[in-house]
Amino acid sequence: MPERPVVVNTSPLLYLHQVSHLDLLRRLYQQIQVPTAVIQELDVGRSQGIDVPTLGDMAWITPVALPSPELIPNETDLGKGEAEVIAVGLTQANCLLVLDDQLGRQIAQLYGLSCTGTLGILLKAKQLGYIDEVQPLIRQLQHCGMWLGEKLIEQILKQAGEQVL
């Protein structure tokens, strides 16, 4: 059983899948939760021809329905997936949210929730020996369309003990 509940948003699922490292979530956390809105966002991507993971095939991923719509943060610029990830996080003690959206992370932190993102997953995976290098995966993520600032890349590579190129 995981140390704490882990709720994951669309982009980490999508990007880790596209670089063939979605299984890192299982290896790091054993079990993750995915809100209904995230599943719907992945389904929309699939219908548009985007390579998205099929979550129903993974026993370590638990779909979760939002217990109360009143928990959704009232922020118009927040995506539905991010909003539900935060709302589900508010219902569980010591929860970890995995989301990349900066606004979503800021709002989650205002609620006192812990966050990480796709790069945080890669960094933790390297620290635990599940991957050898972060840098090639960062380049693959960029190739898949993930926007990453150079300052953030440098910071992650330094934390990973890798040379910044």
C-alpha atoms as a PDB file:
ATOM      1  CA  MET A   1       0.000   0.000   0.000  1.00  0.00           C
ATOM      2  CA  PRO A   2       1.375   3.462  -0.795  1.00  0.00           C
ATOM      3  CA  GLU A   3       2.638   5.696   1.980  1.00  0.00           C
ATOM      4  CA  ARG A   4       0.145   8.376   0.992  1.00  0.00           C
ATOM      5  CA  PRO A   5      -2.615   8.886  -1.563  1.00  0.00           C
ATOM      6  CA  VAL A   6      -1.292  10.007  -4.956  1.00  0.00           C
ATOM      7  CA  VAL A   7      -3.628  11.776  -7.401  1.00  0.00           C
ATOM      8  CA  VAL A   8      -2.369  12.291 -10.965  1.00  0.00           C
ATOM      9  CA  ASN A   9      -3.434  14.786 -13.627  1.00  0.00           C
ATOM     10  CA  THR A  10      -3.588  14.343 -17.400  1.00  0.00           C
ATOM     11  CA  SER A  11      -0.241  15.748 -18.554  1.00  0.00           C
ATOM     12  CA  PRO A  12       2.019  13.581 -16.352  1.00  0.00           C
ATOM     13  CA  LEU A  13       0.114  10.480 -17.490  1.00  0.00           C
ATOM     14  CA  LEU A  14       0.310  11.550 -21.120  1.00  0.00           C
ATOM     15  CA  TYR A  15       3.964  12.591 -21.159  1.00  0.00           C
ATOM     16  CA  LEU A  16       5.271   9.651 -19.128  1.00  0.00           C
ATOM     17  CA  HIS A  17       3.351   7.339 -21.472  1.00  0.00           C
ATOM     18  CA  GLN A  18       4.774   9.051 -24.557  1.00  0.00           C
ATOM     19  CA  VAL A  19       8.357   8.566 -23.340  1.00  0.00           C
ATOM     20  CA  SER A  20       7.585   4.940 -22.339  1.00  0.00           C
ATOM     21  CA  HIS A  21       7.996   5.561 -18.598  1.00  0.00           C
ATOM     22  CA  LEU A  22       4.422   5.578 -17.280  1.00  0.00           C
ATOM     23  CA  ASP A  23       5.330   2.560 -15.155  1.00  0.00           C
ATOM     24  CA  LEU A  24       7.504   4.843 -13.000  1.00  0.00           C
ATOM     25  CA  LEU A  25       4.316   5.963 -11.250  1.00  0.00           C
ATOM     26  CA  ARG A  26       3.588   2.368 -10.232  1.00  0.00           C
ATOM     27  CA  ARG A  27       7.173   1.747  -9.183  1.00  0.00           C
ATOM     28  CA  LEU A  28       7.313   4.930  -7.095  1.00  0.00           C
ATOM     29  CA  TYR A  29       3.828   4.880  -5.573  1.00  0.00           C
ATOM     30  CA  GLN A  30       2.382   1.364  -6.140  1.00  0.00           C
ATOM     31  CA  GLN A  31      -1.147   2.777  -6.581  1.00  0.00           C
ATOM     32  CA  ILE A  32      -2.380   6.060  -8.010  1.00  0.00           C
ATOM     33  CA  GLN A  33      -5.765   7.733  -8.298  1.00  0.00           C
ATOM     34  CA  VAL A  34      -7.066   9.431 -11.425  1.00  0.00           C
ATOM     35  CA  PRO A  35     -10.161  11.671 -11.291  1.00  0.00           C
ATOM     36  CA  THR A  36     -12.988  11.252 -13.792  1.00  0.00           C
ATOM     37  CA  ALA A  37     -12.156  14.528 -15.587  1.00  0.00           C
ATOM     38  CA  VAL A  38      -8.624  13.287 -16.269  1.00  0.00           C
ATOM     39  CA  ILE A  39      -9.982  10.079 -17.796  1.00  0.00           C
ATOM     40  CA  GLN A  40     -12.316  12.178 -19.943  1.00  0.00           C
ATOM     41  CA  GLU A  41      -9.429  14.409 -21.083  1.00  0.00           C
ATOM     42  CA  LEU A  42      -7.432  11.335 -22.096  1.00  0.00           C
ATOM     43  CA  ASP A  43     -10.454   9.988 -23.991  1.00  0.00           C
ATOM     44  CA  VAL A  44     -10.742  13.280 -25.905  1.00  0.00           C
ATOM     45  CA  GLY A  45      -7.052  13.076 -26.794  1.00  0.00           C
ATOM     46  CA  ARG A  46      -7.476   9.489 -27.974  1.00  0.00           C
ATOM     47  CA  SER A  47     -10.425  10.511 -30.182  1.00  0.00           C
ATOM     48  CA  GLN A  48      -8.146  13.155 -31.739  1.00  0.00           C
ATOM     49  CA  GLY A  49      -5.508  10.551 -32.577  1.00  0.00           C
ATOM     50  CA  ILE A  50      -3.108  11.367 -29.734  1.00  0.00           C
ATOM     51  CA  ASP A  51      -1.163   8.447 -28.255  1.00  0.00           C
ATOM     52  CA  VAL A  52      -2.606   8.257 -24.734  1.00  0.00           C
ATOM     53  CA  PRO A  53      -2.419   5.458 -22.168  1.00  0.00           C
ATOM     54  CA  THR A  54      -5.312   3.031 -21.747  1.00  0.00           C
ATOM     55  CA  LEU A  55      -5.793   3.264 -17.992  1.00  0.00           C
ATOM     56  CA  GLY A  56      -8.325   0.434 -17.759  1.00  0.00           C
ATOM     57  CA  ASP A  57      -5.522  -2.026 -18.523  1.00  0.00           C
ATOM     58  CA  MET A  58      -3.552  -0.985 -15.421  1.00  0.00           C
ATOM     59  CA  ALA A  59      -4.712  -2.440 -12.100  1.00  0.00           C
ATOM     60  CA  TRP A  60      -2.509   0.011 -10.189  1.00  0.00           C
ATOM     61  CA  ILE A  61      -4.568   2.981 -11.397  1.00  0.00           C
ATOM     62  CA  THR A  62      -7.816   3.668  -9.554  1.00  0.00           C
ATOM     63  CA  PRO A  63     -10.418   5.948 -11.149  1.00  0.00           C
ATOM     64  CA  VAL A  64     -12.011   8.263  -8.571  1.00  0.00           C
ATOM     65  CA  ALA A  65     -15.216  10.202  -8.818  1.00  0.00           C
ATOM     66  CA  LEU A  66     -15.339  13.633  -7.257  1.00  0.00           C
ATOM     67  CA  PRO A  67     -17.106  13.242  -3.895  1.00  0.00           C
ATOM     68  CA  SER A  68     -18.515  16.757  -3.911  1.00  0.00           C
ATOM     69  CA  PRO A  69     -18.576  19.315  -6.753  1.00  0.00           C
ATOM     70  CA  GLU A  70     -18.359  22.093  -4.154  1.00  0.00           C
ATOM     71  CA  LEU A  71     -14.719  21.127  -3.572  1.00  0.00           C
ATOM     72  CA  ILE A  72     -13.679  22.234  -7.073  1.00  0.00           C
ATOM     73  CA  PRO A  73     -11.640  25.461  -6.862  1.00  0.00           C
ATOM     74  CA  ASN A  74     -13.488  28.405  -8.358  1.00  0.00           C
ATOM     75  CA  GLU A  75     -10.778  29.452 -10.814  1.00  0.00           C
ATOM     76  CA  THR A  76     -11.841  29.951 -14.417  1.00  0.00           C
ATOM     77  CA  ASP A  77      -8.337  29.483 -15.888  1.00  0.00           C
ATOM     78  CA  LEU A  78      -7.908  26.101 -14.237  1.00  0.00           C
ATOM     79  CA  GLY A  79      -8.550  23.063 -16.429  1.00  0.00           C
ATOM     80  CA  LYS A  80     -11.194  20.551 -15.397  1.00  0.00           C
ATOM     81  CA  GLY A  81      -8.576  17.845 -14.789  1.00  0.00           C
ATOM     82  CA  GLU A  82      -6.442  20.080 -12.575  1.00  0.00           C
ATOM     83  CA  ALA A  83      -9.520  21.262 -10.681  1.00  0.00           C
ATOM     84  CA  GLU A  84     -10.633  17.698  -9.947  1.00  0.00           C
ATOM     85  CA  VAL A  85      -7.119  16.603  -8.956  1.00  0.00           C
ATOM     86  CA  ILE A  86      -7.064  19.420  -6.392  1.00  0.00           C
ATOM     87  CA  ALA A  87     -10.612  18.654  -5.225  1.00  0.00           C
ATOM     88  CA  VAL A  88      -9.813  14.954  -4.723  1.00  0.00           C
ATOM     89  CA  GLY A  89      -6.628  15.966  -2.909  1.00  0.00           C
ATOM     90  CA  LEU A  90      -8.652  18.084  -0.505  1.00  0.00           C
ATOM     91  CA  THR A  91     -10.570  14.983   0.611  1.00  0.00           C
ATOM     92  CA  GLN A  92      -7.493  12.974   1.618  1.00  0.00           C
ATOM     93  CA  ALA A  93      -4.968  13.598   4.351  1.00  0.00           C
ATOM     94  CA  ASN A  94      -1.290  13.841   3.375  1.00  0.00           C
ATOM     95  CA  CYS A  95      -2.090  13.562  -0.337  1.00  0.00           C
ATOM     96  CA  LEU A  96       0.469  14.074  -3.125  1.00  0.00           C
ATOM     97  CA  LEU A  97      -0.761  15.681  -6.331  1.00  0.00           C
ATOM     98  CA  VAL A  98       1.093  15.065  -9.590  1.00  0.00           C
ATOM     99  CA  LEU A  99       0.404  17.927 -11.973  1.00  0.00           C
ATOM    100  CA  ASP A 100       2.442  20.077 -14.305  1.00  0.00           C
ATOM    101  CA  ASP A 101       0.210  23.121 -14.728  1.00  0.00           C
ATOM    102  CA  GLN A 102       1.773  26.060 -12.882  1.00  0.00           C
ATOM    103  CA  LEU A 103      -1.544  27.656 -11.917  1.00  0.00           C
ATOM    104  CA  GLY A 104      -2.853  24.322 -10.691  1.00  0.00           C
ATOM    105  CA  ARG A 105       0.234  23.814  -8.548  1.00  0.00           C
ATOM    106  CA  GLN A 106      -0.026  27.324  -7.110  1.00  0.00           C
ATOM    107  CA  ILE A 107      -3.669  26.811  -6.182  1.00  0.00           C
ATOM    108  CA  ALA A 108      -2.951  23.384  -4.676  1.00  0.00           C
ATOM    109  CA  GLN A 109      -0.150  24.866  -2.586  1.00  0.00           C
ATOM    110  CA  LEU A 110      -2.479  27.643  -1.382  1.00  0.00           C
ATOM    111  CA  TYR A 111      -4.689  24.842  -0.040  1.00  0.00           C
ATOM    112  CA  GLY A 112      -1.640  23.336   1.673  1.00  0.00           C
ATOM    113  CA  LEU A 113      -1.417  20.342  -0.676  1.00  0.00           C
ATOM    114  CA  SER A 114       1.886  18.741  -1.712  1.00  0.00           C
ATOM    115  CA  CYS A 115       2.695  18.684  -5.427  1.00  0.00           C
ATOM    116  CA  THR A 116       5.166  17.262  -7.854  1.00  0.00           C
ATOM    117  CA  GLY A 117       5.161  17.032 -11.622  1.00  0.00           C
ATOM    118  CA  THR A 118       6.510  14.972 -14.481  1.00  0.00           C
ATOM    119  CA  LEU A 119      10.070  16.210 -13.920  1.00  0.00           C
ATOM    120  CA  GLY A 120       9.765  15.555 -10.186  1.00  0.00           C
ATOM    121  CA  ILE A 121       8.761  11.981 -10.992  1.00  0.00           C
ATOM    122  CA  LEU A 122      11.819  11.567 -13.218  1.00  0.00           C
ATOM    123  CA  LEU A 123      14.097  13.078 -10.580  1.00  0.00           C
ATOM    124  CA  LYS A 124      12.764  10.772  -7.856  1.00  0.00           C
ATOM    125  CA  ALA A 125      13.057   7.790 -10.214  1.00  0.00           C
ATOM    126  CA  LYS A 126      16.719   8.600 -10.835  1.00  0.00           C
ATOM    127  CA  GLN A 127      17.416   9.080  -7.138  1.00  0.00           C
ATOM    128  CA  LEU A 128      15.952   5.631  -6.467  1.00  0.00           C
ATOM    129  CA  GLY A 129      17.853   4.016  -9.348  1.00  0.00           C
ATOM    130  CA  TYR A 130      14.861   3.305 -11.612  1.00  0.00           C
ATOM    131  CA  ILE A 131      16.381   5.324 -14.461  1.00  0.00           C
ATOM    132  CA  ASP A 132      20.014   6.140 -15.245  1.00  0.00           C
ATOM    133  CA  GLU A 133      19.642   9.659 -16.629  1.00  0.00           C
ATOM    134  CA  VAL A 134      17.044  12.417 -16.617  1.00  0.00           C
ATOM    135  CA  GLN A 135      18.456  14.540 -19.444  1.00  0.00           C
ATOM    136  CA  PRO A 136      17.551  12.240 -22.388  1.00  0.00           C
ATOM    137  CA  LEU A 137      14.007  11.955 -21.061  1.00  0.00           C
ATOM    138  CA  ILE A 138      13.727  15.725 -20.743  1.00  0.00           C
ATOM    139  CA  ARG A 139      14.719  16.041 -24.401  1.00  0.00           C
ATOM    140  CA  GLN A 140      12.143  13.395 -25.347  1.00  0.00           C
ATOM    141  CA  LEU A 141       9.472  15.247 -23.368  1.00  0.00           C
ATOM    142  CA  GLN A 142      10.305  18.439 -25.230  1.00  0.00           C
ATOM    143  CA  HIS A 143      10.098  16.551 -28.523  1.00  0.00           C
ATOM    144  CA  CYS A 144       6.624  15.336 -27.459  1.00  0.00           C
ATOM    145  CA  GLY A 145       5.535  18.938 -26.985  1.00  0.00           C
ATOM    146  CA  MET A 146       6.121  19.564 -23.292  1.00  0.00           C
ATOM    147  CA  TRP A 147       7.222  23.146 -22.802  1.00  0.00           C
ATOM    148  CA  LEU A 148      10.078  23.413 -20.315  1.00  0.00           C
ATOM    149  CA  GLY A 149      12.055  26.530 -19.506  1.00  0.00           C
ATOM    150  CA  GLU A 150      15.838  26.276 -19.633  1.00  0.00           C
ATOM    151  CA  LYS A 151      16.147  27.476 -16.035  1.00  0.00           C
ATOM    152  CA  LEU A 152      13.870  24.641 -14.852  1.00  0.00           C
ATOM    153  CA  ILE A 153      15.814  22.110 -16.909  1.00  0.00           C
ATOM    154  CA  GLU A 154      19.100  23.325 -15.416  1.00  0.00           C
ATOM    155  CA  GLN A 155      17.657  23.106 -11.897  1.00  0.00           C
ATOM    156  CA  ILE A 156      16.403  19.537 -12.399  1.00  0.00           C
ATOM    157  CA  LEU A 157      19.660  18.388 -14.000  1.00  0.00           C
ATOM    158  CA  LYS A 158      21.700  19.848 -11.136  1.00  0.00           C
ATOM    159  CA  GLN A 159      19.455  18.067  -8.614  1.00  0.00           C
ATOM    160  CA  ALA A 160      19.913  14.873 -10.632  1.00  0.00           C
ATOM    161  CA  GLY A 161      23.696  15.308 -10.547  1.00  0.00           C
ATOM    162  CA  GLU A 162      23.873  15.549 -14.315  1.00  0.00           C
ATOM    163  CA  GLN A 163      25.863  17.951 -16.432  1.00  0.00           C
ATOM    164  CA  VAL A 164      23.906  20.874 -17.811  1.00  0.00           C
ATOM    165  CA  LEU A 165      24.554  21.199 -21.527  1.00  0.00           C
END
